[in-house]
Protein backbone atom coordinates (compact mmCIF):
# COMPACT_ATOMS: atom_id res chain seq x y z
CA UNK A 1 -0.04 -0.08 -0.02
CA UNK A 2 1.14 3.47 -0.84
CA UNK A 3 1.10 6.80 1.13
CA UNK A 4 0.82 9.85 -1.25
CA UNK A 5 2.71 12.92 -0.07
CA UNK A 6 1.91 16.26 -1.91
CA UNK A 7 4.58 19.09 -1.79
CA UNK A 8 7.22 16.26 -1.55
CA UNK A 9 9.96 18.73 -2.62
CA UNK A 10 8.85 21.32 -0.27
CA UNK A 11 10.16 22.02 3.31
CA UNK A 12 7.81 19.93 5.45
CA UNK A 13 6.83 17.34 2.71
CA UNK A 14 10.40 16.39 2.19
CA UNK A 15 10.94 15.75 5.84
CA UNK A 16 7.71 13.71 6.05
CA UNK A 17 8.81 11.54 3.01
CA UNK A 18 12.21 10.85 4.63
CA UNK A 19 10.53 9.79 7.95
CA UNK A 20 7.97 7.55 6.26
CA UNK A 21 10.64 5.90 4.17
CA UNK A 22 12.74 5.31 7.42
CA UNK A 23 9.98 3.33 8.90
CA UNK A 24 9.47 1.20 5.85
CA UNK A 25 6.55 2.90 4.02
CA UNK A 26 6.25 3.10 0.22
CA UNK A 27 5.85 6.67 -0.67
CA UNK A 28 4.75 8.45 -3.89
CA UNK A 29 5.75 12.07 -3.85
CA UNK A 30 3.96 14.73 -5.93
CA UNK A 31 5.43 18.41 -6.55
CA UNK A 32 5.10 20.87 -9.44
CA UNK A 33 8.66 22.27 -8.68
CA UNK A 34 7.44 25.76 -9.28
CA UNK A 35 9.82 28.73 -8.78
CA UNK A 36 8.12 30.57 -5.84
CA UNK A 37 11.11 29.18 -3.97
CA UNK A 38 14.54 28.15 -5.53
CA UNK A 39 13.98 25.08 -7.77
CA UNK A 40 17.64 24.02 -6.90
CA UNK A 41 16.57 23.74 -3.28
CA UNK A 42 13.60 21.56 -4.13
CA UNK A 43 15.86 19.21 -6.17
CA UNK A 44 18.37 19.17 -3.31
CA UNK A 45 15.50 18.11 -1.05
CA UNK A 46 14.47 15.37 -3.46
CA UNK A 47 18.14 14.19 -3.56
CA UNK A 48 18.08 13.91 0.23
CA UNK A 49 14.95 11.81 0.08
CA UNK A 50 16.53 9.44 -2.47
CA UNK A 51 19.72 9.44 -0.37
CA UNK A 52 17.88 7.78 2.65
CA UNK A 53 19.48 4.61 3.65
CA UNK A 54 17.52 1.54 2.39
CA UNK A 55 15.15 3.60 0.16
CA UNK A 56 15.38 1.18 -2.65
CA UNK A 57 12.14 1.49 -4.67
CA UNK A 58 10.25 2.81 -1.66
CA UNK A 59 10.11 6.35 -3.20
CA UNK A 60 8.48 7.38 -6.49
CA UNK A 61 8.29 10.96 -7.60
CA UNK A 62 5.90 12.60 -10.06
CA UNK A 63 6.67 16.07 -11.41
CA UNK A 64 3.07 17.39 -11.88
CA UNK A 65 0.60 19.90 -10.81
CA UNK A 66 -2.00 18.35 -8.48
CA UNK A 67 -4.46 21.09 -9.59
CA UNK A 68 -4.59 19.23 -13.01
CA UNK A 69 -6.81 16.56 -12.18
CA UNK A 70 -6.37 14.55 -15.39
CA UNK A 71 -2.56 14.43 -14.93
CA UNK A 72 -2.98 13.52 -11.28
CA UNK A 73 -5.32 10.65 -12.04
CA UNK A 74 -3.12 9.42 -14.82
CA UNK A 75 0.03 9.36 -12.74
CA UNK A 76 -1.70 7.51 -10.01
CA UNK A 77 -3.58 4.99 -12.08
CA UNK A 78 -2.90 1.53 -10.64
CA UNK A 79 -1.57 2.78 -7.32
CA UNK A 80 -3.08 1.12 -4.25
CA UNK A 81 -3.49 4.22 -2.09
CA UNK A 82 -3.77 3.71 1.74
CA UNK A 83 -3.32 7.38 2.97
CA UNK A 84 -2.67 10.86 1.68
CA UNK A 85 -0.54 13.44 3.24
CA UNK A 86 -1.53 16.59 1.43
CA UNK A 87 1.07 19.28 2.28
CA UNK A 88 1.45 20.90 -1.16
CA UNK A 89 0.05 24.46 -1.56
CA UNK A 90 1.00 27.91 -2.90
CA UNK A 91 2.56 29.21 0.21
CA UNK A 92 3.13 32.90 1.39
CA UNK A 93 0.88 35.54 2.90
CA UNK A 94 2.36 38.40 1.00
CA UNK A 95 2.52 36.68 -2.32
CA UNK A 96 -1.13 35.99 -2.23
CA UNK A 97 -1.65 39.91 -2.68
CA UNK A 98 0.52 39.89 -5.77
CA UNK A 99 -0.64 36.59 -7.52
CA UNK A 100 -4.02 35.71 -6.19
CA UNK A 101 -4.87 33.28 -9.05
CA UNK A 102 -2.01 31.02 -8.07
CA UNK A 103 -3.71 30.46 -4.82
CA UNK A 104 -7.03 29.67 -6.28
CA UNK A 105 -5.45 27.13 -8.56
CA UNK A 106 -3.19 25.28 -6.09
CA UNK A 107 -5.07 25.79 -2.75
CA UNK A 108 -8.74 25.52 -3.90
CA UNK A 109 -8.76 23.42 -7.01
CA UNK A 110 -5.78 21.37 -5.90
CA UNK A 111 -7.31 20.68 -2.58
CA UNK A 112 -10.59 19.59 -4.18
CA UNK A 113 -8.68 17.39 -6.50
CA UNK A 114 -7.02 15.61 -3.50
CA UNK A 115 -10.39 15.21 -1.83
CA UNK A 116 -11.77 13.61 -4.96
CA UNK A 117 -8.68 11.30 -5.00
CA UNK A 118 -9.49 10.23 -1.49
CA UNK A 119 -13.12 9.78 -2.10
CA UNK A 120 -12.77 7.76 -5.19
CA UNK A 121 -9.88 5.48 -3.84
CA UNK A 122 -11.67 5.27 -0.39
CA UNK A 123 -8.46 6.08 1.30
CA UNK A 124 -8.02 5.26 5.10
CA UNK A 125 -7.10 8.82 6.04
CA UNK A 126 -6.37 12.14 4.44
CA UNK A 127 -4.14 14.57 6.50
CA UNK A 128 -3.79 18.08 5.07
CA UNK A 129 -2.04 21.22 5.81
CA UNK A 130 -3.94 24.35 7.03
CA UNK A 131 -2.38 27.32 8.65
CA UNK A 132 -2.18 29.43 11.73
CA UNK A 133 -2.97 32.25 9.31
CA UNK A 134 -6.83 31.43 9.63
CA UNK A 135 -6.82 33.01 12.94
CA UNK A 136 -6.21 36.57 11.37
CA UNK A 137 -5.80 39.16 14.03
CA UNK A 138 -7.85 37.58 16.64
CA UNK A 139 -6.83 38.93 20.11
CA UNK A 140 -7.79 35.78 21.83
CA UNK A 141 -4.37 34.10 22.63
CA UNK A 142 -3.51 31.39 22.54
CA UNK A 143 -5.40 30.42 19.51
CA UNK A 144 -7.73 27.53 20.14
CA UNK A 145 -9.29 25.28 17.43
CA UNK A 146 -12.76 25.85 18.94
CA UNK A 147 -12.72 29.59 18.19
CA UNK A 148 -14.28 31.12 15.16
CA UNK A 149 -11.97 31.96 12.21
CA UNK A 150 -14.26 33.86 9.87
CA UNK A 151 -12.21 36.95 9.27
CA UNK A 152 -8.99 36.16 7.21
CA UNK A 153 -6.96 39.14 6.42
CA UNK A 154 -5.03 37.59 3.58
CA UNK A 155 -6.21 35.65 0.61
CA UNK A 156 -3.74 32.79 1.62
CA UNK A 157 -5.59 32.48 4.92
CA UNK A 158 -8.98 32.58 3.16
CA UNK A 159 -7.99 29.62 0.91
CA UNK A 160 -6.76 27.62 3.86
CA UNK A 161 -10.02 28.14 5.81
CA UNK A 162 -11.81 27.20 2.54
CA UNK A 163 -9.90 23.96 2.46
CA UNK A 164 -11.08 23.11 6.07
CA UNK A 165 -14.82 23.81 4.85
CA UNK A 166 -14.38 21.54 1.70
CA UNK A 167 -12.91 18.90 3.79
CA UNK A 168 -15.85 19.08 6.34
CA UNK A 169 -18.17 18.63 3.47
CA UNK A 170 -16.53 15.58 2.17
CA UNK A 171 -16.23 14.20 5.60
CA UNK A 172 -19.90 14.60 6.11
CA UNK A 173 -21.04 13.51 2.60
CA UNK A 174 -18.78 10.64 2.02
CA UNK A 175 -17.43 9.74 5.45
CA UNK A 176 -13.83 10.40 4.21
CA UNK A 177 -11.66 10.47 7.35
CA UNK A 178 -9.60 13.62 7.51
CA UNK A 179 -7.34 15.59 9.79
CA UNK A 180 -6.50 19.24 9.18
CA UNK A 181 -3.20 20.70 10.77
CA UNK A 182 -2.84 24.32 11.41
CA UNK A 183 0.91 24.80 11.33
CA UNK A 184 2.64 27.65 13.22
CA UNK A 185 5.80 29.27 11.77
CA UNK A 186 7.75 26.17 10.92
CA UNK A 187 11.65 26.41 10.71
CA UNK A 188 14.61 24.11 10.53
CA UNK A 189 16.96 22.39 8.10
CA UNK A 190 15.73 22.44 4.54
CA UNK A 191 13.57 25.43 5.28
CA UNK A 192 12.04 28.02 3.09
CA UNK A 193 13.99 31.11 1.90
CA UNK A 194 10.86 33.16 2.02
CA UNK A 195 10.52 32.86 5.79
CA UNK A 196 12.07 35.16 8.25
CA UNK A 197 14.35 32.64 9.88
CA UNK A 198 16.07 31.86 6.51
CA UNK A 199 16.17 35.43 5.51
CA UNK A 200 17.52 36.84 8.68
CA UNK A 201 20.23 34.03 8.89
CA UNK A 202 21.42 34.60 5.35
CA UNK A 203 21.67 38.28 5.45
CA UNK A 204 23.38 38.43 8.84
CA UNK A 205 26.00 35.87 7.53
CA UNK A 206 26.41 38.02 4.49
CA UNK A 207 26.70 41.26 6.38
CA UNK A 208 23.50 42.66 4.67
CA UNK A 209 20.86 44.55 6.36
CA UNK A 210 17.66 42.70 7.59
CA UNK A 211 14.21 44.24 7.35
CA UNK A 212 12.67 44.35 10.89
CA UNK A 213 8.78 45.03 10.67
CA UNK A 214 6.73 46.95 13.17
CA UNK A 215 9.81 47.79 15.41
CA UNK A 216 10.14 44.17 16.09
CA UNK A 217 6.99 44.23 18.11
CA UNK A 218 5.65 40.88 16.84
CA UNK A 219 5.41 37.52 18.33
CA UNK A 220 5.51 34.05 16.70
CA UNK A 221 5.03 30.45 17.80
CA UNK A 222 8.21 29.27 16.10
CA UNK A 223 8.02 25.51 15.66
CA UNK A 224 10.98 23.24 14.85
CA UNK A 225 10.50 20.91 11.89
CA UNK A 226 11.21 17.73 13.92
CA UNK A 227 8.23 18.54 16.23
CA UNK A 228 6.00 19.22 13.10
CA UNK A 229 6.82 15.95 11.57
CA UNK A 230 6.14 14.14 14.88
CA UNK A 231 2.77 15.72 15.00
CA UNK A 232 1.93 14.97 11.41
CA UNK A 233 2.78 11.31 11.67
CA UNK A 234 0.92 10.93 14.93
CA UNK A 235 -2.12 12.35 13.10
CA UNK A 236 -1.71 10.13 10.08
CA UNK A 237 -1.56 6.97 12.44
CA UNK A 238 -4.66 7.89 14.14
CA UNK A 239 -7.64 8.46 11.75
CA UNK A 240 -10.69 10.04 13.35
CA UNK A 241 -13.39 7.58 14.04
CA UNK A 242 -16.80 7.88 12.32
CA UNK A 243 -18.77 7.62 15.70
CA UNK A 244 -20.87 10.69 15.66
CA UNK A 245 -18.95 12.27 18.57
CA UNK A 246 -17.73 15.81 18.48
CA UNK A 247 -14.12 15.91 17.36
CA UNK A 248 -11.45 18.72 17.76
CA UNK A 249 -12.59 21.60 15.73
CA UNK A 250 -16.31 20.92 16.35
CA UNK A 251 -17.16 18.26 13.64
CA UNK A 252 -19.41 15.45 14.30
CA UNK A 253 -18.15 13.81 10.96
CA UNK A 254 -14.83 11.91 10.80
CA UNK A 255 -12.84 15.17 10.58
CA UNK A 256 -10.56 16.79 13.12
CA UNK A 257 -8.60 20.01 13.11
CA UNK A 258 -5.50 20.53 15.25
CA UNK A 259 -2.99 23.27 15.99
CA UNK A 260 0.70 22.16 15.77
CA UNK A 261 2.98 24.77 17.41
CA UNK A 262 5.61 25.15 20.03
CA UNK A 263 3.02 26.49 22.49
CA UNK A 264 5.19 29.59 23.12
CA UNK A 265 4.74 33.09 21.59
CA UNK A 266 8.25 34.40 21.18
CA UNK A 267 9.17 37.97 20.62
CA UNK A 268 10.78 38.64 17.22
CA UNK A 269 13.70 40.29 18.93
CA UNK A 270 14.47 37.14 20.76
CA UNK A 271 14.64 35.29 17.48
CA UNK A 272 17.05 37.88 16.00
CA UNK A 273 19.27 37.75 19.05
CA UNK A 274 19.45 34.00 18.98
CA UNK A 275 20.40 34.12 15.20
CA UNK A 276 22.96 36.80 15.84
CA UNK A 277 24.52 34.55 18.56
CA UNK A 278 24.59 31.48 16.46
CA UNK A 279 26.05 33.40 13.40
CA UNK A 280 28.63 35.18 15.63
CA UNK A 281 27.76 38.74 14.31
CA UNK A 282 25.24 41.49 14.93
CA UNK A 283 22.48 42.29 12.37
CA UNK A 284 22.38 45.52 10.31
CA UNK A 285 18.73 46.57 10.75
CA UNK A 286 16.32 48.46 8.48
CA UNK A 287 13.07 49.33 10.37
CA UNK A 288 9.78 48.79 8.35
CA UNK A 289 6.08 49.16 9.14
CA UNK A 290 3.87 46.11 9.48
CA UNK A 291 3.15 44.66 6.05
CA UNK A 292 -0.41 43.99 4.58
CA UNK A 293 -1.76 40.67 5.43
CA UNK A 294 0.65 40.10 8.32
CA UNK A 295 -0.43 39.58 11.94
CA UNK A 296 1.14 40.89 15.27
CA UNK A 297 1.13 37.40 17.14
CA UNK A 298 0.54 33.86 16.79
CA UNK A 299 0.34 31.42 19.68
CA UNK A 300 -0.85 27.87 19.48
CA UNK A 301 -3.14 26.26 22.19
CA UNK A 302 -2.21 22.50 21.96
CA UNK A 303 -4.94 21.10 24.24
CA UNK A 304 -6.68 19.10 21.60
CA UNK A 305 -3.74 17.41 20.06
CA UNK A 306 -2.06 16.77 23.41
CA UNK A 307 -5.32 15.08 24.49
CA UNK A 308 -5.98 13.08 21.38
CA UNK A 309 -2.52 12.28 20.15
CA UNK A 310 -0.20 12.89 23.04
CA UNK A 311 1.70 15.45 21.00
CA UNK A 312 4.15 17.58 22.90
CA UNK A 313 6.84 19.76 21.19
CA UNK A 314 10.30 19.42 22.58
CA UNK A 315 12.43 21.84 20.70
CA UNK A 316 12.34 25.49 21.99
CA UNK A 317 13.98 28.07 19.82
CA UNK A 318 17.03 28.30 22.14
CA UNK A 319 17.75 24.86 20.96
CA UNK A 320 16.28 24.95 17.51
CA UNK A 321 17.85 28.09 16.07
CA UNK A 322 21.47 26.96 16.78
CA UNK A 323 20.75 23.57 14.98
CA UNK A 324 19.24 25.53 12.16
CA UNK A 325 22.17 27.92 11.77
CA UNK A 326 24.63 24.90 11.79
CA UNK A 327 22.64 23.25 9.09
CA UNK A 328 22.49 26.44 7.10
CA UNK A 329 26.14 27.22 7.12
CA UNK A 330 26.88 23.70 5.79
CA UNK A 331 24.34 23.96 3.06
CA UNK A 332 25.41 27.43 2.08
CA UNK A 333 28.99 26.25 1.87
CA UNK A 334 27.91 23.24 -0.20
CA UNK A 335 26.06 25.40 -2.77
CA UNK A 336 28.94 27.85 -3.03
CA UNK A 337 31.51 24.89 -3.66
């Protein structure tokens, strides 16, 4: 039996593929390798997957756009699919303002195509990526999966909320077991260049100025990649029962929604200080106002996922940032060689 992983060449998806292979699963990865982030980085992530010890024939990759349902169905014809981990999406809050149609294609049509794949193949479980962005500027901290999320302040957030609603309809109509995961500011090895942790590190090491928004008066629930993967696999291995009971997020169908974060709202200034310390040099700063679509704070309440799956993050940023910088130095040197 096969586990499908979309976004396989992405940050989180590549880590999930590697962990699934390590535990003996057969993984089929899907990614369109678009250029929103460097394509070379995506190929390097795929090389890391293929380099896993004992991978053999347990990883197959399809270069395709899952928003193209005909290409998706053709590529997976004949595959016996057990579960789907749908992590692929058009990412980025600010880019959704510049290129909204990319989000409609990938995050709306693409999500629908994965739901249809799950329905027609009668998969055991579909785990999909949502986002902490759905909480918008809610002042109710920490964010709880039970609270209303009806006021997105970016199109990206709106598409992720829409994904949750589409998933609920498929869980209700077709009893398709699903778990939606609201990720909180993920960082770590093989991360994303469009995220602050990567950008700050790269610029500080290069002696270039960093842009600090809102005077640094922002807080984020920074979550190390290993903790994220632990949560994804715990969710994957525990499909929601179709028992009529209320699930995390409020559904009575086989559909749950969880936060995955570090359960700490860290000041941006602390993040910058830790990166400076790990890099061994101070940042040159350019102060900027808050950007459209951005939020002042994120903070995950983990009560539901701790109760149901026993999830507990283990990597505070004091530990995770030095690990990240060490990896980044090595990767940067490798690319420069």
